[in-house]
C-alpha atoms as a PDB file:
ATOM      1  CA  MET A   1      -0.010  -0.003  -0.001  1.00  0.00           C
ATOM      2  CA  LYS A   2       1.306   3.450  -0.925  1.00  0.00           C
ATOM      3  CA  PHE A   3       2.311   5.727   1.959  1.00  0.00           C
ATOM      4  CA  TYR A   4      -0.346   8.367   1.243  1.00  0.00           C
ATOM      5  CA  LYS A   5      -3.044   5.692   1.265  1.00  0.00           C
ATOM      6  CA  LYS A   6      -1.857   4.527   4.687  1.00  0.00           C
ATOM      7  CA  ILE A   7      -2.116   8.081   5.915  1.00  0.00           C
ATOM      8  CA  LEU A   8      -5.634   8.498   4.465  1.00  0.00           C
ATOM      9  CA  ASN A   9      -6.787   5.411   6.343  1.00  0.00           C
ATOM     10  CA  GLN A  10      -6.378   7.425   9.547  1.00  0.00           C
ATOM     11  CA  THR A  11      -9.464   9.225  10.875  1.00  0.00           C
ATOM     12  CA  TRP A  12      -7.587  12.472  11.488  1.00  0.00           C
ATOM     13  CA  ALA A  13      -6.360  12.519   7.893  1.00  0.00           C
ATOM     14  CA  GLN A  14      -9.847  11.856   6.533  1.00  0.00           C
ATOM     15  CA  ASN A  15     -11.231  14.708   8.654  1.00  0.00           C
ATOM     16  CA  THR A  16      -8.472  17.033   7.415  1.00  0.00           C
ATOM     17  CA  VAL A  17      -9.119  16.218   3.742  1.00  0.00           C
ATOM     18  CA  SER A  18     -12.857  16.611   4.306  1.00  0.00           C
ATOM     19  CA  PHE A  19     -12.364  20.017   5.937  1.00  0.00           C
ATOM     20  CA  ILE A  20     -10.253  21.204   3.000  1.00  0.00           C
ATOM     21  CA  GLY A  21     -12.762  19.798   0.526  1.00  0.00           C
ATOM     22  CA  VAL A  22     -15.765  21.508   2.074  1.00  0.00           C
ATOM     23  CA  ALA A  23     -13.838  24.794   2.369  1.00  0.00           C
ATOM     24  CA  TYR A  24     -13.125  24.618  -1.367  1.00  0.00           C
ATOM     25  CA  LEU A  25     -16.728  23.759  -2.213  1.00  0.00           C
ATOM     26  CA  ARG A  26     -18.057  26.641  -0.099  1.00  0.00           C
ATOM     27  CA  LEU A  27     -15.618  28.997  -1.892  1.00  0.00           C
ATOM     28  CA  VAL A  28     -16.890  27.743  -5.246  1.00  0.00           C
ATOM     29  CA  GLN A  29     -20.507  28.009  -4.131  1.00  0.00           C
ATOM     30  CA  ILE A  30     -20.114  31.561  -2.807  1.00  0.00           C
ATOM     31  CA  THR A  31     -18.173  32.907  -5.793  1.00  0.00           C
ATOM     32  CA  GLY A  32     -20.226  31.112  -8.431  1.00  0.00           C
ATOM     33  CA  ARG A  33     -23.622  31.760 -10.026  1.00  0.00           C
ATOM     34  CA  TRP A  34     -26.026  28.841  -9.828  1.00  0.00           C
ATOM     35  CA  GLU A  35     -29.234  28.554 -11.803  1.00  0.00           C
ATOM     36  CA  VAL A  36     -31.824  25.858 -11.066  1.00  0.00           C
ATOM     37  CA  ARG A  37     -34.378  24.932 -13.725  1.00  0.00           C
ATOM     38  CA  GLY A  38     -37.398  22.725 -13.201  1.00  0.00           C
ATOM     39  CA  TRP A  39     -37.459  22.899  -9.394  1.00  0.00           C
ATOM     40  CA  GLU A  40     -41.263  22.658  -9.520  1.00  0.00           C
ATOM     41  CA  ASN A  41     -40.867  19.048 -10.678  1.00  0.00           C
ATOM     42  CA  VAL A  42     -39.450  18.021  -7.309  1.00  0.00           C
ATOM     43  CA  GLN A  43     -41.287  20.578  -5.154  1.00  0.00           C
ATOM     44  CA  THR A  44     -44.677  19.178  -6.196  1.00  0.00           C
ATOM     45  CA  ILE A  45     -43.661  15.674  -5.045  1.00  0.00           C
ATOM     46  CA  ILE A  46     -42.219  17.033  -1.780  1.00  0.00           C
ATOM     47  CA  GLU A  47     -45.510  18.797  -1.009  1.00  0.00           C
ATOM     48  CA  GLN A  48     -47.303  15.479  -1.536  1.00  0.00           C
ATOM     49  CA  ASN A  49     -44.968  13.963   1.109  1.00  0.00           C
ATOM     50  CA  ARG A  50     -44.022  11.169  -1.290  1.00  0.00           C
ATOM     51  CA  PRO A  51     -40.622   9.477  -1.303  1.00  0.00           C
ATOM     52  CA  ILE A  52     -38.241  10.552  -4.034  1.00  0.00           C
ATOM     53  CA  ILE A  53     -35.171   9.030  -5.682  1.00  0.00           C
ATOM     54  CA  ILE A  54     -32.984  11.681  -7.307  1.00  0.00           C
ATOM     55  CA  CYS A  55     -30.800  10.186 -10.078  1.00  0.00           C
ATOM     56  CA  PHE A  56     -27.726  11.883 -11.565  1.00  0.00           C
ATOM     57  CA  TRP A  57     -24.533  10.650 -13.203  1.00  0.00           C
ATOM     58  CA  HIS A  58     -21.501  10.040 -10.981  1.00  0.00           C
ATOM     59  CA  SER A  59     -19.535  12.626 -12.975  1.00  0.00           C
ATOM     60  CA  ARG A  60     -21.877  15.371 -11.740  1.00  0.00           C
ATOM     61  CA  LEU A  61     -21.603  14.521  -8.036  1.00  0.00           C
ATOM     62  CA  VAL A  62     -19.238  17.250  -6.821  1.00  0.00           C
ATOM     63  CA  ALA A  63     -21.538  20.288  -7.093  1.00  0.00           C
ATOM     64  CA  ASN A  64     -24.917  18.577  -7.065  1.00  0.00           C
ATOM     65  CA  ALA A  65     -25.804  19.732  -3.528  1.00  0.00           C
ATOM     66  CA  PHE A  66     -25.579  23.366  -4.718  1.00  0.00           C
ATOM     67  CA  GLY A  67     -28.854  22.931  -6.598  1.00  0.00           C
ATOM     68  CA  TRP A  68     -30.895  21.595  -3.684  1.00  0.00           C
ATOM     69  CA  GLN A  69     -33.473  24.207  -2.580  1.00  0.00           C
ATOM     70  CA  SER A  70     -35.488  22.406   0.093  1.00  0.00           C
ATOM     71  CA  ASP A  71     -35.136  22.177   3.879  1.00  0.00           C
ATOM     72  CA  LYS A  72     -35.962  18.500   3.503  1.00  0.00           C
ATOM     73  CA  PRO A  73     -32.555  16.768   3.517  1.00  0.00           C
ATOM     74  CA  LEU A  74     -31.004  14.635   0.825  1.00  0.00           C
ATOM     75  CA  HIS A  75     -29.768  11.184   1.834  1.00  0.00           C
ATOM     76  CA  GLN A  76     -26.853   9.904  -0.202  1.00  0.00           C
ATOM     77  CA  LEU A  77     -25.357   6.402  -0.344  1.00  0.00           C
ATOM     78  CA  SER A  78     -21.677   6.122   0.558  1.00  0.00           C
ATOM     79  CA  THR A  79     -19.313   3.213   0.984  1.00  0.00           C
ATOM     80  CA  PRO A  80     -17.795   2.746   4.468  1.00  0.00           C
ATOM     81  CA  HIS A  81     -14.269   2.790   3.062  1.00  0.00           C
ATOM     82  CA  ARG A  82     -11.596   5.458   2.876  1.00  0.00           C
ATOM     83  CA  ASP A  83     -12.822   7.493  -0.116  1.00  0.00           C
ATOM     84  CA  GLY A  84     -16.448   7.016   0.852  1.00  0.00           C
ATOM     85  CA  LYS A  85     -15.812   8.248   4.388  1.00  0.00           C
ATOM     86  CA  ILE A  86     -14.027  11.344   3.096  1.00  0.00           C
ATOM     87  CA  ALA A  87     -16.820  12.129   0.628  1.00  0.00           C
ATOM     88  CA  ALA A  88     -19.514  11.518   3.252  1.00  0.00           C
ATOM     89  CA  ALA A  89     -17.856  13.764   5.815  1.00  0.00           C
ATOM     90  CA  THR A  90     -17.530  16.507   3.191  1.00  0.00           C
ATOM     91  CA  TYR A  91     -21.154  16.387   2.068  1.00  0.00           C
ATOM     92  CA  ASN A  92     -22.427  16.043   5.632  1.00  0.00           C
ATOM     93  CA  ARG A  93     -21.030  19.519   6.211  1.00  0.00           C
ATOM     94  CA  LEU A  94     -23.111  20.682   3.236  1.00  0.00           C
ATOM     95  CA  GLY A  95     -26.270  19.243   4.798  1.00  0.00           C
ATOM     96  CA  VAL A  96     -26.402  15.917   2.932  1.00  0.00           C
ATOM     97  CA  LYS A  97     -27.059  12.901   5.170  1.00  0.00           C
ATOM     98  CA  THR A  98     -25.289   9.579   4.677  1.00  0.00           C
ATOM     99  CA  ILE A  99     -26.658   6.095   4.110  1.00  0.00           C
ATOM    100  CA  TRP A 100     -23.840   3.582   4.570  1.00  0.00           C
ATOM    101  CA  GLY A 101     -23.549   0.616   2.273  1.00  0.00           C
ATOM    102  CA  SER A 102     -22.133  -0.644  -1.018  1.00  0.00           C
ATOM    103  CA  THR A 103     -24.035  -1.712  -4.089  1.00  0.00           C
ATOM    104  CA  SER A 104     -20.945  -3.533  -5.362  1.00  0.00           C
ATOM    105  CA  LYS A 105     -20.840  -6.030  -2.469  1.00  0.00           C
ATOM    106  CA  GLY A 106     -24.250  -7.637  -2.378  1.00  0.00           C
ATOM    107  CA  GLY A 107     -25.995  -4.374  -1.652  1.00  0.00           C
ATOM    108  CA  SER A 108     -28.360  -5.684   1.055  1.00  0.00           C
ATOM    109  CA  GLU A 109     -27.192  -3.169   3.665  1.00  0.00           C
ATOM    110  CA  ALA A 110     -27.445  -0.318   1.168  1.00  0.00           C
ATOM    111  CA  VAL A 111     -30.935  -1.360   0.057  1.00  0.00           C
ATOM    112  CA  ARG A 112     -32.173  -1.646   3.650  1.00  0.00           C
ATOM    113  CA  GLY A 113     -30.813   1.810   4.483  1.00  0.00           C
ATOM    114  CA  MET A 114     -32.386   3.446   1.436  1.00  0.00           C
ATOM    115  CA  LEU A 115     -35.725   1.683   1.907  1.00  0.00           C
ATOM    116  CA  LYS A 116     -35.864   2.883   5.514  1.00  0.00           C
ATOM    117  CA  VAL A 117     -35.478   6.514   4.412  1.00  0.00           C
ATOM    118  CA  LEU A 118     -37.954   6.154   1.539  1.00  0.00           C
ATOM    119  CA  LYS A 119     -40.594   4.385   3.630  1.00  0.00           C
ATOM    120  CA  ASN A 120     -40.571   7.472   5.882  1.00  0.00           C
ATOM    121  CA  GLY A 121     -41.199   9.759   2.919  1.00  0.00           C
ATOM    122  CA  GLY A 122     -37.545  10.792   2.596  1.00  0.00           C
ATOM    123  CA  ILE A 123     -35.393  11.703  -0.368  1.00  0.00           C
ATOM    124  CA  VAL A 124     -32.495   9.553  -1.587  1.00  0.00           C
ATOM    125  CA  SER A 125     -29.958  10.640  -4.184  1.00  0.00           C
ATOM    126  CA  ILE A 126     -28.317   7.939  -6.295  1.00  0.00           C
ATOM    127  CA  THR A 127     -25.642   7.867  -8.978  1.00  0.00           C
ATOM    128  CA  PRO A 128     -27.067   5.004 -11.062  1.00  0.00           C
ATOM    129  CA  ASP A 129     -23.811   4.498 -12.977  1.00  0.00           C
ATOM    130  CA  GLY A 130     -21.732   4.351  -9.792  1.00  0.00           C
ATOM    131  CA  PRO A 131     -19.656   3.573  -7.952  1.00  0.00           C
ATOM    132  CA  ARG A 132     -17.489   2.137 -10.736  1.00  0.00           C
ATOM    133  CA  GLY A 133     -19.449   2.353 -13.962  1.00  0.00           C
ATOM    134  CA  PRO A 134     -20.045   1.751 -16.741  1.00  0.00           C
ATOM    135  CA  ARG A 135     -20.120   5.511 -17.284  1.00  0.00           C
ATOM    136  CA  GLN A 136     -23.488   7.111 -18.040  1.00  0.00           C
ATOM    137  CA  ARG A 137     -25.279   3.763 -18.120  1.00  0.00           C
ATOM    138  CA  MET A 138     -28.344   3.395 -15.927  1.00  0.00           C
ATOM    139  CA  GLN A 139     -28.196   0.378 -13.647  1.00  0.00           C
ATOM    140  CA  LYS A 140     -31.512  -1.180 -12.765  1.00  0.00           C
ATOM    141  CA  SER A 141     -31.091  -0.892  -8.990  1.00  0.00           C
ATOM    142  CA  ALA A 142     -32.700   2.571  -8.751  1.00  0.00           C
ATOM    143  CA  VAL A 143     -35.740   1.395 -10.738  1.00  0.00           C
ATOM    144  CA  ASP A 144     -36.131  -1.697  -8.536  1.00  0.00           C
ATOM    145  CA  LEU A 145     -35.817   0.456  -5.417  1.00  0.00           C
ATOM    146  CA  ALA A 146     -38.541   2.816  -6.693  1.00  0.00           C
ATOM    147  CA  ARG A 147     -40.854  -0.124  -7.365  1.00  0.00           C
ATOM    148  CA  MET A 148     -40.322  -1.569  -3.886  1.00  0.00           C
ATOM    149  CA  SER A 149     -40.710   1.721  -2.043  1.00  0.00           C
ATOM    150  CA  GLY A 150     -43.297   3.555  -4.129  1.00  0.00           C
ATOM    151  CA  ALA A 151     -40.809   6.372  -4.675  1.00  0.00           C
ATOM    152  CA  VAL A 152     -40.837   8.668  -7.698  1.00  0.00           C
ATOM    153  CA  LEU A 153     -37.725   8.742  -9.898  1.00  0.00           C
ATOM    154  CA  ILE A 154     -36.478  12.199 -10.862  1.00  0.00           C
ATOM    155  CA  PRO A 155     -33.561  12.660 -13.305  1.00  0.00           C
ATOM    156  CA  VAL A 156     -31.194  15.535 -12.494  1.00  0.00           C
ATOM    157  CA  SER A 157     -28.106  16.896 -14.213  1.00  0.00           C
ATOM    158  CA  ASN A 158     -25.768  19.849 -13.984  1.00  0.00           C
ATOM    159  CA  SER A 159     -22.990  21.541 -15.886  1.00  0.00           C
ATOM    160  CA  MET A 160     -20.725  24.489 -15.237  1.00  0.00           C
ATOM    161  CA  SER A 161     -17.911  26.565 -16.634  1.00  0.00           C
ATOM    162  CA  PRO A 162     -15.110  26.949 -15.872  1.00  0.00           C
ATOM    163  CA  CYS A 163     -14.508  23.453 -14.547  1.00  0.00           C
ATOM    164  CA  LYS A 164     -11.860  20.728 -14.524  1.00  0.00           C
ATOM    165  CA  MET A 165     -12.699  17.349 -16.049  1.00  0.00           C
ATOM    166  CA  LEU A 166     -10.759  14.655 -14.267  1.00  0.00           C
ATOM    167  CA  ASP A 167      -9.124  11.670 -15.951  1.00  0.00           C
ATOM    168  CA  THR A 168     -11.265   9.197 -13.985  1.00  0.00           C
ATOM    169  CA  TRP A 169     -13.564   6.406 -15.188  1.00  0.00           C
ATOM    170  CA  ASP A 170     -16.573   8.746 -15.037  1.00  0.00           C
ATOM    171  CA  ARG A 171     -14.801  11.913 -16.312  1.00  0.00           C
ATOM    172  CA  MET A 172     -15.905  13.741 -13.181  1.00  0.00           C
ATOM    173  CA  ILE A 173     -16.176  17.531 -13.474  1.00  0.00           C
ATOM    174  CA  VAL A 174     -14.987  19.770 -10.629  1.00  0.00           C
ATOM    175  CA  PRO A 175     -16.238  23.362 -10.602  1.00  0.00           C
ATOM    176  CA  LEU A 176     -13.669  26.150 -10.373  1.00  0.00           C
ATOM    177  CA  PRO A 177     -14.153  29.421  -8.459  1.00  0.00           C
ATOM    178  CA  PHE A 178     -16.424  31.985 -10.146  1.00  0.00           C
ATOM    179  CA  ALA A 179     -18.085  29.266 -12.206  1.00  0.00           C
ATOM    180  CA  LYS A 180     -21.509  29.658 -13.767  1.00  0.00           C
ATOM    181  CA  GLY A 181     -23.500  26.508 -13.134  1.00  0.00           C
ATOM    182  CA  ILE A 182     -26.869  25.234 -14.306  1.00  0.00           C
ATOM    183  CA  PHE A 183     -28.963  22.507 -12.700  1.00  0.00           C
ATOM    184  CA  VAL A 184     -31.888  20.901 -14.478  1.00  0.00           C
ATOM    185  CA  ILE A 185     -34.526  18.763 -12.748  1.00  0.00           C
ATOM    186  CA  GLY A 186     -36.379  16.563 -15.199  1.00  0.00           C
ATOM    187  CA  GLN A 187     -39.898  15.178 -15.268  1.00  0.00           C
ATOM    188  CA  PRO A 188     -40.810  12.696 -12.502  1.00  0.00           C
ATOM    189  CA  ILE A 189     -41.149   9.073 -13.558  1.00  0.00           C
ATOM    190  CA  GLU A 190     -43.547   6.711 -11.783  1.00  0.00           C
ATOM    191  CA  VAL A 191     -42.675   3.032 -11.262  1.00  0.00           C
ATOM    192  CA  PRO A 192     -45.844   0.989 -10.614  1.00  0.00           C
ATOM    193  CA  ARG A 193     -45.472  -1.830  -8.084  1.00  0.00           C
ATOM    194  CA  ASP A 194     -46.971  -4.331 -10.517  1.00  0.00           C
ATOM    195  CA  SER A 195     -44.598  -3.433 -13.359  1.00  0.00           C
ATOM    196  CA  THR A 196     -43.518  -6.313 -15.569  1.00  0.00           C
ATOM    197  CA  THR A 197     -39.875  -7.021 -16.306  1.00  0.00           C
ATOM    198  CA  GLU A 198     -40.320  -5.427 -19.722  1.00  0.00           C
ATOM    199  CA  GLN A 199     -41.902  -2.279 -18.230  1.00  0.00           C
ATOM    200  CA  LEU A 200     -39.070  -1.936 -15.710  1.00  0.00           C
ATOM    201  CA  GLU A 201     -36.524  -2.208 -18.524  1.00  0.00           C
ATOM    202  CA  ASN A 202     -38.393   0.474 -20.486  1.00  0.00           C
ATOM    203  CA  ILE A 203     -38.238   2.772 -17.476  1.00  0.00           C
ATOM    204  CA  ARG A 204     -34.527   2.074 -17.052  1.00  0.00           C
ATOM    205  CA  VAL A 205     -33.895   3.003 -20.689  1.00  0.00           C
ATOM    206  CA  GLN A 206     -36.112   6.085 -20.380  1.00  0.00           C
ATOM    207  CA  MET A 207     -34.120   7.312 -17.385  1.00  0.00           C
ATOM    208  CA  GLU A 208     -30.766   6.651 -19.068  1.00  0.00           C
ATOM    209  CA  GLN A 209     -31.824   8.515 -22.191  1.00  0.00           C
ATOM    210  CA  ALA A 210     -33.228  11.419 -20.161  1.00  0.00           C
ATOM    211  CA  LEU A 211     -30.036  11.796 -18.124  1.00  0.00           C
ATOM    212  CA  ASN A 212     -27.772  11.640 -21.179  1.00  0.00           C
ATOM    213  CA  ARG A 213     -29.956  14.073 -23.109  1.00  0.00           C
ATOM    214  CA  MET A 214     -30.093  16.560 -20.215  1.00  0.00           C
ATOM    215  CA  THR A 215     -26.337  16.316 -19.630  1.00  0.00           C
ATOM    216  CA  GLN A 216     -25.459  16.786 -23.291  1.00  0.00           C
ATOM    217  CA  ASN A 217     -27.761  19.784 -23.641  1.00  0.00           C
ATOM    218  CA  LEU A 218     -26.321  21.434 -20.531  1.00  0.00           C
ATOM    219  CA  ASP A 219     -22.719  20.787 -21.562  1.00  0.00           C
ATOM    220  CA  SER A 220     -23.461  22.283 -24.971  1.00  0.00           C
ATOM    221  CA  GLU A 221     -24.788  25.398 -23.236  1.00  0.00           C
ATOM    222  CA  THR A 222     -21.785  25.759 -20.901  1.00  0.00           C
ATOM    223  CA  GLY A 223     -19.258  24.926 -23.615  1.00  0.00           C
ATOM    224  CA  ILE A 224     -17.785  21.654 -22.359  1.00  0.00           C
ATOM    225  CA  THR A 225     -17.567  18.339 -24.199  1.00  0.00           C
ATOM    226  CA  THR A 226     -19.800  15.593 -22.849  1.00  0.00           C
ATOM    227  CA  PRO A 227     -17.978  12.260 -22.490  1.00  0.00           C
ATOM    228  CA  ALA A 228     -19.528   9.489 -24.519  1.00  0.00           C
ATOM    229  CA  PRO A 229     -21.388   6.818 -22.507  1.00  0.00           C
ATOM    230  CA  ALA A 230     -19.286   3.730 -21.926  1.00  0.00           C
ATOM    231  CA  THR A 231     -19.458   1.018 -24.540  1.00  0.00           C
ATOM    232  CA  LEU A 232     -21.277  -2.024 -23.180  1.00  0.00           C
ATOM    233  CA  ASP A 233     -20.407  -5.653 -23.672  1.00  0.00           C
ATOM    234  CA  LYS A 234     -23.020  -7.491 -25.706  1.00  0.00           C
ATOM    235  CA  GLY A 235     -25.916  -8.598 -23.552  1.00  0.00           C
ATOM    236  CA  VAL A 236     -25.100  -6.271 -20.618  1.00  0.00           C
ATOM    237  CA  PRO A 237     -27.960  -3.830 -19.805  1.00  0.00           C
END
């Protein structure tokens, strides 16, 4: 294990990195201009006290909390490992609550945590192509969760300029100070409890297409190049 990774396994180091991260994000938030479009799409569901699953691509995670305009908190899934702990501590300071669990290791703990929040009428935010991809491809877990909980799926995307696009699997974008950012909240999508396998797949495809369309349109407006969705192996949804 590399030395810096050993250091980051220490709680004090994680807290230090988190403190620096949230200080940077607050600087970006304060100096930037942030426009939110389509907020009424989520506000209507909030007023009905219905559970909500917010879906956005992993690449748009960094600034996503800037577009949240409700006192009702977001709950975000995070892995109980080094990077997940750092990210969770950072977003906790921005008002986002953590649900601990990993979808890549069975996922039962993660599902139980999210269902508990949703059954109480809460709001869960999910990156349906995370935590490791394939990039900009909708996994079916969010659709299944909506069917089980009665939650409404809402696609969300954002883009901003200036920003730095990282050389990571998801091509994550990091806003720079004095950025102009735009958030778009798409139309809610219902997932009936008695949906057939074919209907659930249609909803999955609908969400994936909506997220990619929204992201591409926003990136075109802000002047950045949208990464192409990952190429899938034959037979992989």
